[in-house]
C-alpha atoms as a PDB file:
ATOM      1  CA  MET A   1     -25.662  24.645  29.567  1.00  0.00           C
ATOM      2  CA  SER A   2     -29.253  23.407  29.884  1.00  0.00           C
ATOM      3  CA  ASP A   3     -30.422  22.008  33.213  1.00  0.00           C
ATOM      4  CA  LEU A   4     -30.412  18.265  32.987  1.00  0.00           C
ATOM      5  CA  ARG A   5     -33.304  18.061  35.416  1.00  0.00           C
ATOM      6  CA  ALA A   6     -35.480  19.871  32.956  1.00  0.00           C
ATOM      7  CA  ASP A   7     -34.822  17.111  30.434  1.00  0.00           C
ATOM      8  CA  ALA A   8     -35.622  14.183  32.749  1.00  0.00           C
ATOM      9  CA  PRO A   9     -38.708  12.214  31.852  1.00  0.00           C
ATOM     10  CA  GLN A  10     -41.802  13.030  33.929  1.00  0.00           C
ATOM     11  CA  GLY A  11     -42.145  10.860  36.959  1.00  0.00           C
ATOM     12  CA  ALA A  12     -38.589   9.446  36.738  1.00  0.00           C
ATOM     13  CA  PRO A  13     -36.266   9.854  39.676  1.00  0.00           C
ATOM     14  CA  LEU A  14     -33.324  12.143  38.901  1.00  0.00           C
ATOM     15  CA  ASP A  15     -30.746   9.582  39.944  1.00  0.00           C
ATOM     16  CA  SER A  16     -32.258   6.752  38.041  1.00  0.00           C
ATOM     17  CA  SER A  17     -29.419   4.788  36.310  1.00  0.00           C
ATOM     18  CA  LEU A  18     -31.900   3.109  34.075  1.00  0.00           C
ATOM     19  CA  VAL A  19     -33.092   6.423  32.624  1.00  0.00           C
ATOM     20  CA  TYR A  20     -29.539   7.559  31.660  1.00  0.00           C
ATOM     21  CA  GLN A  21     -28.587   4.084  30.516  1.00  0.00           C
ATOM     22  CA  GLU A  22     -31.431   4.235  27.956  1.00  0.00           C
ATOM     23  CA  ARG A  23     -30.347   7.663  26.996  1.00  0.00           C
ATOM     24  CA  ALA A  24     -26.770   6.505  26.531  1.00  0.00           C
ATOM     25  CA  VAL A  25     -27.915   3.688  24.276  1.00  0.00           C
ATOM     26  CA  ASP A  26     -30.050   6.009  22.188  1.00  0.00           C
ATOM     27  CA  ALA A  27     -27.327   8.660  21.960  1.00  0.00           C
ATOM     28  CA  LEU A  28     -24.614   6.198  20.943  1.00  0.00           C
ATOM     29  CA  GLY A  29     -26.929   4.986  18.189  1.00  0.00           C
ATOM     30  CA  GLU A  30     -27.682   8.570  16.958  1.00  0.00           C
ATOM     31  CA  LEU A  31     -23.976   9.362  16.952  1.00  0.00           C
ATOM     32  CA  GLY A  32     -23.271   6.272  14.833  1.00  0.00           C
ATOM     33  CA  LEU A  33     -21.179   4.578  17.521  1.00  0.00           C
ATOM     34  CA  LYS A  34     -22.550   1.118  16.893  1.00  0.00           C
ATOM     35  CA  VAL A  35     -19.750  -0.916  18.443  1.00  0.00           C
ATOM     36  CA  ALA A  36     -19.785   1.200  21.595  1.00  0.00           C
ATOM     37  CA  ARG A  37     -23.563   0.847  21.769  1.00  0.00           C
ATOM     38  CA  GLU A  38     -23.366  -2.895  21.409  1.00  0.00           C
ATOM     39  CA  HIS A  39     -20.808  -3.257  24.191  1.00  0.00           C
ATOM     40  CA  LEU A  40     -22.089  -0.606  26.553  1.00  0.00           C
ATOM     41  CA  ASP A  41     -23.827  -2.906  29.015  1.00  0.00           C
ATOM     42  CA  ALA A  42     -20.907  -5.368  29.222  1.00  0.00           C
ATOM     43  CA  VAL A  43     -18.334  -2.616  29.648  1.00  0.00           C
ATOM     44  CA  ALA A  44     -20.439  -0.809  32.252  1.00  0.00           C
ATOM     45  CA  GLN A  45     -20.745  -4.082  34.306  1.00  0.00           C
ATOM     46  CA  ARG A  46     -16.993  -4.616  34.117  1.00  0.00           C
ATOM     47  CA  ALA A  47     -16.331  -0.958  35.048  1.00  0.00           C
ATOM     48  CA  ALA A  48     -18.557  -1.261  38.125  1.00  0.00           C
ATOM     49  CA  ALA A  49     -16.983  -4.640  39.169  1.00  0.00           C
ATOM     50  CA  GLU A  50     -13.415  -3.323  38.821  1.00  0.00           C
ATOM     51  CA  HIS A  51     -14.098   0.167  40.187  1.00  0.00           C
ATOM     52  CA  TRP A  52     -12.973   1.945  37.077  1.00  0.00           C
ATOM     53  CA  SER A  53     -12.996   5.785  36.995  1.00  0.00           C
ATOM     54  CA  TYR A  54     -15.466   7.523  34.719  1.00  0.00           C
ATOM     55  CA  THR A  55     -12.730   8.427  32.210  1.00  0.00           C
ATOM     56  CA  HIS A  56     -11.360   4.858  32.262  1.00  0.00           C
ATOM     57  CA  PHE A  57     -14.800   3.551  31.449  1.00  0.00           C
ATOM     58  CA  LEU A  58     -15.321   6.081  28.671  1.00  0.00           C
ATOM     59  CA  GLY A  59     -11.895   5.641  27.182  1.00  0.00           C
ATOM     60  CA  TYR A  60     -12.238   1.761  27.099  1.00  0.00           C
ATOM     61  CA  LEU A  61     -15.664   2.037  25.527  1.00  0.00           C
ATOM     62  CA  LEU A  62     -14.520   4.418  22.759  1.00  0.00           C
ATOM     63  CA  ASP A  63     -11.312   2.481  22.167  1.00  0.00           C
ATOM     64  CA  GLY A  64     -13.267  -0.533  21.000  1.00  0.00           C
ATOM     65  CA  GLU A  65     -15.246   1.696  18.633  1.00  0.00           C
ATOM     66  CA  LEU A  66     -12.042   3.222  17.211  1.00  0.00           C
ATOM     67  CA  ARG A  67     -10.407  -0.173  16.777  1.00  0.00           C
ATOM     68  CA  GLU A  68     -13.310  -1.464  14.794  1.00  0.00           C
ATOM     69  CA  ARG A  69     -13.472   1.609  12.582  1.00  0.00           C
ATOM     70  CA  ASN A  70      -9.696   1.300  11.842  1.00  0.00           C
ATOM     71  CA  ARG A  71     -10.167  -2.439  11.041  1.00  0.00           C
ATOM     72  CA  LYS A  72     -12.916  -1.595   8.516  1.00  0.00           C
ATOM     73  CA  ARG A  73     -10.796   1.253   7.099  1.00  0.00           C
ATOM     74  CA  VAL A  74      -7.867  -1.077   6.506  1.00  0.00           C
ATOM     75  CA  GLU A  75     -10.141  -3.749   5.042  1.00  0.00           C
ATOM     76  CA  LEU A  76     -11.589  -1.233   2.502  1.00  0.00           C
ATOM     77  CA  SER A  77      -8.055   0.079   1.691  1.00  0.00           C
ATOM     78  CA  LEU A  78      -6.852  -3.473   0.932  1.00  0.00           C
ATOM     79  CA  GLN A  79      -9.927  -4.067  -1.299  1.00  0.00           C
ATOM     80  CA  PHE A  80      -9.296  -0.875  -3.131  1.00  0.00           C
ATOM     81  CA  ALA A  81      -5.569  -1.729  -3.665  1.00  0.00           C
ATOM     82  CA  LYS A  82      -6.408  -4.589  -6.059  1.00  0.00           C
ATOM     83  CA  PHE A  83      -3.487  -6.701  -4.865  1.00  0.00           C
ATOM     84  CA  PRO A  84      -3.199 -10.042  -6.703  1.00  0.00           C
ATOM     85  CA  PHE A  85      -2.469 -11.566  -3.284  1.00  0.00           C
ATOM     86  CA  ILE A  86      -1.912 -10.372   0.238  1.00  0.00           C
ATOM     87  CA  LYS A  87       1.581 -10.946   1.663  1.00  0.00           C
ATOM     88  CA  ARG A  88       3.183  -9.313   4.648  1.00  0.00           C
ATOM     89  CA  LEU A  89       6.864  -8.787   5.087  1.00  0.00           C
ATOM     90  CA  ILE A  90       6.960 -10.953   8.207  1.00  0.00           C
ATOM     91  CA  ASP A  91       6.358 -13.933   5.712  1.00  0.00           C
ATOM     92  CA  PHE A  92       9.362 -13.021   3.576  1.00  0.00           C
ATOM     93  CA  ASP A  93      12.276 -15.508   3.719  1.00  0.00           C
ATOM     94  CA  PHE A  94      15.307 -13.178   3.754  1.00  0.00           C
ATOM     95  CA  SER A  95      17.595 -16.159   4.237  1.00  0.00           C
ATOM     96  CA  ALA A  96      16.603 -17.380   0.758  1.00  0.00           C
ATOM     97  CA  GLN A  97      17.700 -14.122  -0.828  1.00  0.00           C
ATOM     98  CA  PRO A  98      20.908 -13.065   0.937  1.00  0.00           C
ATOM     99  CA  SER A  99      21.498 -10.352  -1.583  1.00  0.00           C
ATOM    100  CA  ILE A 100      18.702  -8.275   0.072  1.00  0.00           C
ATOM    101  CA  ASP A 101      19.758  -6.010   2.977  1.00  0.00           C
ATOM    102  CA  LYS A 102      17.186  -6.788   5.600  1.00  0.00           C
ATOM    103  CA  ARG A 103      18.061  -3.709   7.536  1.00  0.00           C
ATOM    104  CA  LEU A 104      17.182  -1.626   4.501  1.00  0.00           C
ATOM    105  CA  ILE A 105      13.774  -3.224   4.195  1.00  0.00           C
ATOM    106  CA  GLU A 106      13.178  -2.645   7.945  1.00  0.00           C
ATOM    107  CA  GLU A 107      13.960   0.977   7.388  1.00  0.00           C
ATOM    108  CA  LEU A 108      11.388   1.125   4.601  1.00  0.00           C
ATOM    109  CA  MET A 109       8.893  -0.561   6.916  1.00  0.00           C
ATOM    110  CA  THR A 110       8.913   2.648   8.976  1.00  0.00           C
ATOM    111  CA  ALA A 111       7.245   4.355   6.017  1.00  0.00           C
ATOM    112  CA  ARG A 112       9.408   7.491   6.363  1.00  0.00           C
ATOM    113  CA  TYR A 113       9.858   7.463   2.600  1.00  0.00           C
ATOM    114  CA  LEU A 114       6.210   8.521   2.257  1.00  0.00           C
ATOM    115  CA  SER A 115       6.764  11.988   3.637  1.00  0.00           C
ATOM    116  CA  GLU A 116       9.903  12.303   1.447  1.00  0.00           C
ATOM    117  CA  GLY A 117       8.073  11.318  -1.728  1.00  0.00           C
ATOM    118  CA  ARG A 118      10.792   8.708  -2.217  1.00  0.00           C
ATOM    119  CA  ASN A 119      10.377   5.923  -4.737  1.00  0.00           C
ATOM    120  CA  ILE A 120      11.261   2.328  -4.039  1.00  0.00           C
ATOM    121  CA  ILE A 121      12.590   0.331  -7.066  1.00  0.00           C
ATOM    122  CA  PHE A 122      13.114  -3.445  -6.946  1.00  0.00           C
ATOM    123  CA  LEU A 123      15.328  -4.795  -9.785  1.00  0.00           C
ATOM    124  CA  GLY A 124      16.115  -8.417 -10.519  1.00  0.00           C
ATOM    125  CA  PRO A 125      15.318 -11.539 -12.499  1.00  0.00           C
ATOM    126  CA  PRO A 126      11.887 -13.177 -12.361  1.00  0.00           C
ATOM    127  CA  GLY A 127      10.827 -15.034  -9.244  1.00  0.00           C
ATOM    128  CA  VAL A 128      13.215 -13.566  -6.682  1.00  0.00           C
ATOM    129  CA  GLY A 129      10.588 -11.819  -4.558  1.00  0.00           C
ATOM    130  CA  LYS A 130      10.306  -8.321  -6.076  1.00  0.00           C
ATOM    131  CA  THR A 131       6.529  -8.335  -6.228  1.00  0.00           C
ATOM    132  CA  MET A 132       6.139  -9.891  -2.753  1.00  0.00           C
ATOM    133  CA  LEU A 133       8.368  -7.170  -1.286  1.00  0.00           C
ATOM    134  CA  ALA A 134       6.436  -4.417  -3.041  1.00  0.00           C
ATOM    135  CA  ILE A 135       3.132  -5.751  -1.884  1.00  0.00           C
ATOM    136  CA  GLY A 136       4.426  -6.211   1.664  1.00  0.00           C
ATOM    137  CA  LEU A 137       5.497  -2.597   1.830  1.00  0.00           C
ATOM    138  CA  ALA A 138       2.215  -1.417   0.308  1.00  0.00           C
ATOM    139  CA  VAL A 139       0.161  -3.518   2.702  1.00  0.00           C
ATOM    140  CA  LEU A 140       1.946  -1.750   5.619  1.00  0.00           C
ATOM    141  CA  VAL A 141       0.908   1.606   4.132  1.00  0.00           C
ATOM    142  CA  ALA A 142      -2.700   0.408   3.888  1.00  0.00           C
ATOM    143  CA  GLU A 143      -2.618  -0.720   7.490  1.00  0.00           C
ATOM    144  CA  LEU A 144      -1.481   2.819   8.461  1.00  0.00           C
ATOM    145  CA  GLY A 145      -4.865   4.000   7.045  1.00  0.00           C
ATOM    146  CA  HIS A 146      -3.625   5.251   3.624  1.00  0.00           C
ATOM    147  CA  ARG A 147      -4.895   4.388   0.173  1.00  0.00           C
ATOM    148  CA  VAL A 148      -2.686   2.253  -1.995  1.00  0.00           C
ATOM    149  CA  TYR A 149      -3.153   0.861  -5.514  1.00  0.00           C
ATOM    150  CA  PHE A 150      -1.489  -2.048  -7.278  1.00  0.00           C
ATOM    151  CA  THR A 151      -1.243  -2.428 -11.138  1.00  0.00           C
ATOM    152  CA  SER A 152       1.137  -3.914 -13.645  1.00  0.00           C
ATOM    153  CA  ALA A 153       2.772  -1.426 -16.035  1.00  0.00           C
ATOM    154  CA  LEU A 154       1.037  -2.968 -19.060  1.00  0.00           C
ATOM    155  CA  ASP A 155      -2.460  -3.189 -17.436  1.00  0.00           C
ATOM    156  CA  MET A 156      -2.196   0.475 -16.376  1.00  0.00           C
ATOM    157  CA  ALA A 157      -1.080   1.570 -19.872  1.00  0.00           C
ATOM    158  CA  ILE A 158      -3.921  -0.379 -21.551  1.00  0.00           C
ATOM    159  CA  LYS A 159      -6.473   1.035 -19.115  1.00  0.00           C
ATOM    160  CA  LEU A 160      -5.243   4.593 -19.829  1.00  0.00           C
ATOM    161  CA  SER A 161      -5.313   3.935 -23.566  1.00  0.00           C
ATOM    162  CA  LYS A 162      -8.966   2.953 -23.358  1.00  0.00           C
ATOM    163  CA  ALA A 163      -9.676   5.976 -21.275  1.00  0.00           C
ATOM    164  CA  ILE A 164      -8.512   8.121 -24.231  1.00  0.00           C
ATOM    165  CA  GLU A 165     -11.130   6.490 -26.423  1.00  0.00           C
ATOM    166  CA  ARG A 166     -13.796   7.373 -23.879  1.00  0.00           C
ATOM    167  CA  ASN A 167     -12.466  10.855 -23.389  1.00  0.00           C
ATOM    168  CA  GLN A 168     -11.711  10.081 -19.777  1.00  0.00           C
ATOM    169  CA  LEU A 169      -7.953  10.265 -19.653  1.00  0.00           C
ATOM    170  CA  HIS A 170      -7.835  13.181 -17.273  1.00  0.00           C
ATOM    171  CA  ARG A 171     -10.131  11.352 -14.889  1.00  0.00           C
ATOM    172  CA  GLN A 172      -8.064   8.169 -14.951  1.00  0.00           C
ATOM    173  CA  LEU A 173      -4.823  10.049 -14.516  1.00  0.00           C
ATOM    174  CA  ASN A 174      -6.299  11.950 -11.547  1.00  0.00           C
ATOM    175  CA  ALA A 175      -7.408   8.689  -9.994  1.00  0.00           C
ATOM    176  CA  LEU A 176      -3.822   7.388 -10.084  1.00  0.00           C
ATOM    177  CA  MET A 177      -2.782  10.496  -8.149  1.00  0.00           C
ATOM    178  CA  GLN A 178      -5.017   9.677  -5.238  1.00  0.00           C
ATOM    179  CA  PRO A 179      -3.269   6.729  -3.605  1.00  0.00           C
ATOM    180  CA  LYS A 180      -0.498   7.423  -1.072  1.00  0.00           C
ATOM    181  CA  VAL A 181       1.515   4.729  -2.759  1.00  0.00           C
ATOM    182  CA  LEU A 182       1.219   3.495  -6.362  1.00  0.00           C
ATOM    183  CA  VAL A 183       2.744   0.038  -7.028  1.00  0.00           C
ATOM    184  CA  ILE A 184       3.699  -0.424 -10.645  1.00  0.00           C
ATOM    185  CA  ASP A 185       4.670  -4.069 -11.171  1.00  0.00           C
ATOM    186  CA  GLU A 186       6.469  -5.837 -14.062  1.00  0.00           C
ATOM    187  CA  VAL A 187       7.999  -2.892 -15.807  1.00  0.00           C
ATOM    188  CA  GLY A 188       9.940  -4.425 -18.674  1.00  0.00           C
ATOM    189  CA  TYR A 189       8.272  -7.847 -19.037  1.00  0.00           C
ATOM    190  CA  LEU A 190       6.606  -6.643 -22.203  1.00  0.00           C
ATOM    191  CA  GLN A 191       7.595  -3.780 -24.428  1.00  0.00           C
ATOM    192  CA  LEU A 192       5.232  -0.843 -24.503  1.00  0.00           C
ATOM    193  CA  ASP A 193       4.108   0.809 -27.767  1.00  0.00           C
ATOM    194  CA  ARG A 194       4.700   4.548 -28.082  1.00  0.00           C
ATOM    195  CA  LEU A 195       1.295   5.631 -26.748  1.00  0.00           C
ATOM    196  CA  GLN A 196       1.520   3.245 -23.773  1.00  0.00           C
ATOM    197  CA  ALA A 197       5.055   4.382 -22.975  1.00  0.00           C
ATOM    198  CA  SER A 198       3.918   8.017 -23.072  1.00  0.00           C
ATOM    199  CA  LEU A 199       1.001   7.324 -20.739  1.00  0.00           C
ATOM    200  CA  LEU A 200       3.259   5.557 -18.237  1.00  0.00           C
ATOM    201  CA  PHE A 201       5.631   8.494 -18.408  1.00  0.00           C
ATOM    202  CA  GLN A 202       2.716  10.885 -17.616  1.00  0.00           C
ATOM    203  CA  VAL A 203       1.772   8.942 -14.499  1.00  0.00           C
ATOM    204  CA  ILE A 204       5.378   8.879 -13.242  1.00  0.00           C
ATOM    205  CA  CYS A 205       5.890  12.559 -14.082  1.00  0.00           C
ATOM    206  CA  ASN A 206       2.641  13.697 -12.390  1.00  0.00           C
ATOM    207  CA  ARG A 207       3.336  11.747  -9.179  1.00  0.00           C
ATOM    208  CA  TYR A 208       6.903  13.056  -9.159  1.00  0.00           C
ATOM    209  CA  GLU A 209       5.740  16.657  -9.358  1.00  0.00           C
ATOM    210  CA  ARG A 210       3.406  16.071  -6.437  1.00  0.00           C
ATOM    211  CA  GLY A 211       5.986  14.270  -4.302  1.00  0.00           C
ATOM    212  CA  GLN A 212       3.964  10.997  -4.268  1.00  0.00           C
ATOM    213  CA  ALA A 213       5.808   7.731  -3.778  1.00  0.00           C
ATOM    214  CA  ILE A 214       5.917   4.866  -6.308  1.00  0.00           C
ATOM    215  CA  ILE A 215       6.984   1.336  -5.586  1.00  0.00           C
ATOM    216  CA  LEU A 216       8.126  -0.192  -8.873  1.00  0.00           C
ATOM    217  CA  THR A 217       9.468  -3.644  -9.871  1.00  0.00           C
ATOM    218  CA  SER A 218      11.411  -4.471 -13.018  1.00  0.00           C
ATOM    219  CA  ASN A 219      13.398  -7.319 -14.485  1.00  0.00           C
ATOM    220  CA  LYS A 220      15.482  -4.953 -16.619  1.00  0.00           C
ATOM    221  CA  ALA A 221      18.640  -3.004 -15.774  1.00  0.00           C
ATOM    222  CA  PHE A 222      18.277   0.784 -16.231  1.00  0.00           C
ATOM    223  CA  GLY A 223      20.437   0.624 -19.347  1.00  0.00           C
ATOM    224  CA  GLU A 224      17.769  -1.461 -21.084  1.00  0.00           C
ATOM    225  CA  TRP A 225      14.816   0.735 -20.276  1.00  0.00           C
ATOM    226  CA  GLY A 226      15.053   2.345 -23.757  1.00  0.00           C
ATOM    227  CA  GLN A 227      13.723  -0.980 -25.090  1.00  0.00           C
ATOM    228  CA  ILE A 228      10.778  -0.899 -22.683  1.00  0.00           C
ATOM    229  CA  PHE A 229       9.700   2.571 -23.693  1.00  0.00           C
ATOM    230  CA  ALA A 230       9.082   1.909 -27.365  1.00  0.00           C
ATOM    231  CA  ASP A 231      12.828   2.035 -28.168  1.00  0.00           C
ATOM    232  CA  ASP A 232      12.815   5.691 -27.147  1.00  0.00           C
ATOM    233  CA  SER A 233      15.977   6.285 -25.109  1.00  0.00           C
ATOM    234  CA  ILE A 234      15.058   9.970 -24.552  1.00  0.00           C
ATOM    235  CA  MET A 235      11.743   9.075 -23.002  1.00  0.00           C
ATOM    236  CA  ALA A 236      13.399   6.371 -20.886  1.00  0.00           C
ATOM    237  CA  SER A 237      15.985   8.913 -19.684  1.00  0.00           C
ATOM    238  CA  ALA A 238      13.197  11.346 -18.725  1.00  0.00           C
ATOM    239  CA  VAL A 239      11.352   8.547 -16.795  1.00  0.00           C
ATOM    240  CA  LEU A 240      14.547   7.524 -14.919  1.00  0.00           C
ATOM    241  CA  ASP A 241      15.358  11.180 -14.244  1.00  0.00           C
ATOM    242  CA  ARG A 242      12.151  11.491 -12.221  1.00  0.00           C
ATOM    243  CA  LEU A 243      12.142   8.055 -10.639  1.00  0.00           C
ATOM    244  CA  LEU A 244      15.716   8.136  -9.379  1.00  0.00           C
ATOM    245  CA  HIS A 245      15.821  11.751  -8.165  1.00  0.00           C
ATOM    246  CA  ARG A 246      14.367  10.595  -4.863  1.00  0.00           C
ATOM    247  CA  SER A 247      14.648   6.844  -4.650  1.00  0.00           C
ATOM    248  CA  THR A 248      15.897   3.713  -3.034  1.00  0.00           C
ATOM    249  CA  VAL A 249      17.015   1.074  -5.506  1.00  0.00           C
ATOM    250  CA  ILE A 250      17.248  -2.562  -4.393  1.00  0.00           C
ATOM    251  CA  ASN A 251      18.962  -5.017  -6.617  1.00  0.00           C
ATOM    252  CA  ILE A 252      18.000  -8.642  -5.962  1.00  0.00           C
ATOM    253  CA  ARG A 253      20.151 -11.468  -7.311  1.00  0.00           C
ATOM    254  CA  GLY A 254      19.485 -15.160  -7.012  1.00  0.00           C
ATOM    255  CA  GLU A 255      17.473 -18.012  -8.230  1.00  0.00           C
ATOM    256  CA  SER A 256      13.720 -17.986  -8.754  1.00  0.00           C
ATOM    257  CA  TYR A 257      11.751 -19.291  -5.766  1.00  0.00           C
ATOM    258  CA  ARG A 258       9.627 -21.299  -8.103  1.00  0.00           C
ATOM    259  CA  LEU A 259      12.530 -23.063  -9.784  1.00  0.00           C
ATOM    260  CA  LYS A 260      14.172 -23.617  -6.461  1.00  0.00           C
ATOM    261  CA  GLU A 261      11.083 -25.344  -5.097  1.00  0.00           C
ATOM    262  CA  LYS A 262      10.886 -27.482  -8.260  1.00  0.00           C
ATOM    263  CA  ARG A 263      14.450 -28.645  -7.829  1.00  0.00           C
ATOM    264  CA  GLN A 264      14.031 -29.335  -4.153  1.00  0.00           C
ATOM    265  CA  SER A 265      10.943 -31.425  -4.838  1.00  0.00           C
ATOM    266  CA  GLY A 266      13.058 -33.485  -7.358  1.00  0.00           C
ATOM    267  CA  SER A 267      11.065 -32.458 -10.370  1.00  0.00           C
ATOM    268  CA  THR A 268      13.852 -30.926 -12.461  1.00  0.00           C
ATOM    269  CA  ALA A 269      12.977 -32.378 -15.857  1.00  0.00           C
ATOM    270  CA  GLY A 270      12.729 -29.717 -18.456  1.00  0.00           C
ATOM    271  CA  LEU A 271      13.827 -26.887 -16.184  1.00  0.00           C
ATOM    272  CA  PRO A 272      16.268 -24.394 -17.624  1.00  0.00           C
ATOM    273  CA  SER A 273      19.575 -23.888 -15.886  1.00  0.00           C
ATOM    274  CA  LEU A 274      19.297 -20.181 -15.179  1.00  0.00           C
ATOM    275  CA  SER A 275      22.194 -18.102 -13.993  1.00  0.00           C
ATOM    276  CA  PRO A 276      21.486 -14.930 -12.120  1.00  0.00           C
ATOM    277  CA  GLU A 277      21.225 -11.856 -14.217  1.00  0.00           C
ATOM    278  CA  PRO A 278      24.099  -9.411 -13.711  1.00  0.00           C
ATOM    279  CA  LYS A 279      23.521  -6.785 -11.051  1.00  0.00           C
ATOM    280  CA  PRO A 280      22.344  -3.599 -12.603  1.00  0.00           C
ATOM    281  CA  PRO A 281      24.541  -0.625 -11.680  1.00  0.00           C
ATOM    282  CA  THR A 282      23.170   1.425  -8.756  1.00  0.00           C
ATOM    283  CA  PRO A 283      22.852   4.956 -10.095  1.00  0.00           C
ATOM    284  CA  THR A 284      24.920   7.642  -8.452  1.00  0.00           C
ATOM    285  CA  GLY A 285      22.668  10.316  -9.830  1.00  0.00           C
ATOM    286  CA  ALA A 286      19.724  10.803 -12.178  1.00  0.00           C
ATOM    287  CA  PRO A 287      20.432  10.615 -15.854  1.00  0.00           C
ATOM    288  CA  LYS A 288      20.543  13.904 -17.635  1.00  0.00           C
ATOM    289  CA  LEU A 289      18.045  14.971 -20.249  1.00  0.00           C
ATOM    290  CA  ASN A 290      19.290  16.202 -23.602  1.00  0.00           C
END
């Protein structure tokens, strides 16, 4: 270790606090600890007034730096995710959808499913909160410091189709492997053509092989997925085989939030009288491939 006295500025007393305060400011700047540098003086004054130990002072100073870095990391992760809106599960009204097991959602909020590579699948009619729950779970993952990405099934399929034309399919598929969680929304709202269905299958297959979680929403029971995948029941079976091998399936029954709000406001003219879709059967095992 070098002798600190040899590094002291000429003519400066060795015990000069000002000398080492200036060095601390410069060093924090060189190390890129901008928040710690900005708050050094205020924290030092508080430490002196409250008789903190040296380690207390240092820990408090660096804690502020780490908190700010984490805030920025989460902010960037949320920007990367491309959510259509930001909703947290604390805002979800479970009383309005009694078919949802709140305890199951709370278990998913622990994010243990990530290490298991377990998929989360929300099934139910439009407007019952599937997308909000999916986004709420994904936001939690982003706040844990992981990358997440949101897309609708059709948008993803179209983007991959265009990547083929640019000879960039491999790059786009690889990009969809990077997020810790991939949210695929609205599977089944529009039928995919054969190429689009094949591309969606590739994404699901690749993430399955890597043990990477998918959060997926659909308005179709599993028995109808052949229609989604270009009327190809074999491809649909292969997709479900991988999705359901490690999965939690949540069936949501009930009326659309939007229709309910319309009726409560008294504006019911022209609204259809929708009955809840039948509950899709919860799979006891993955479908077998022929």
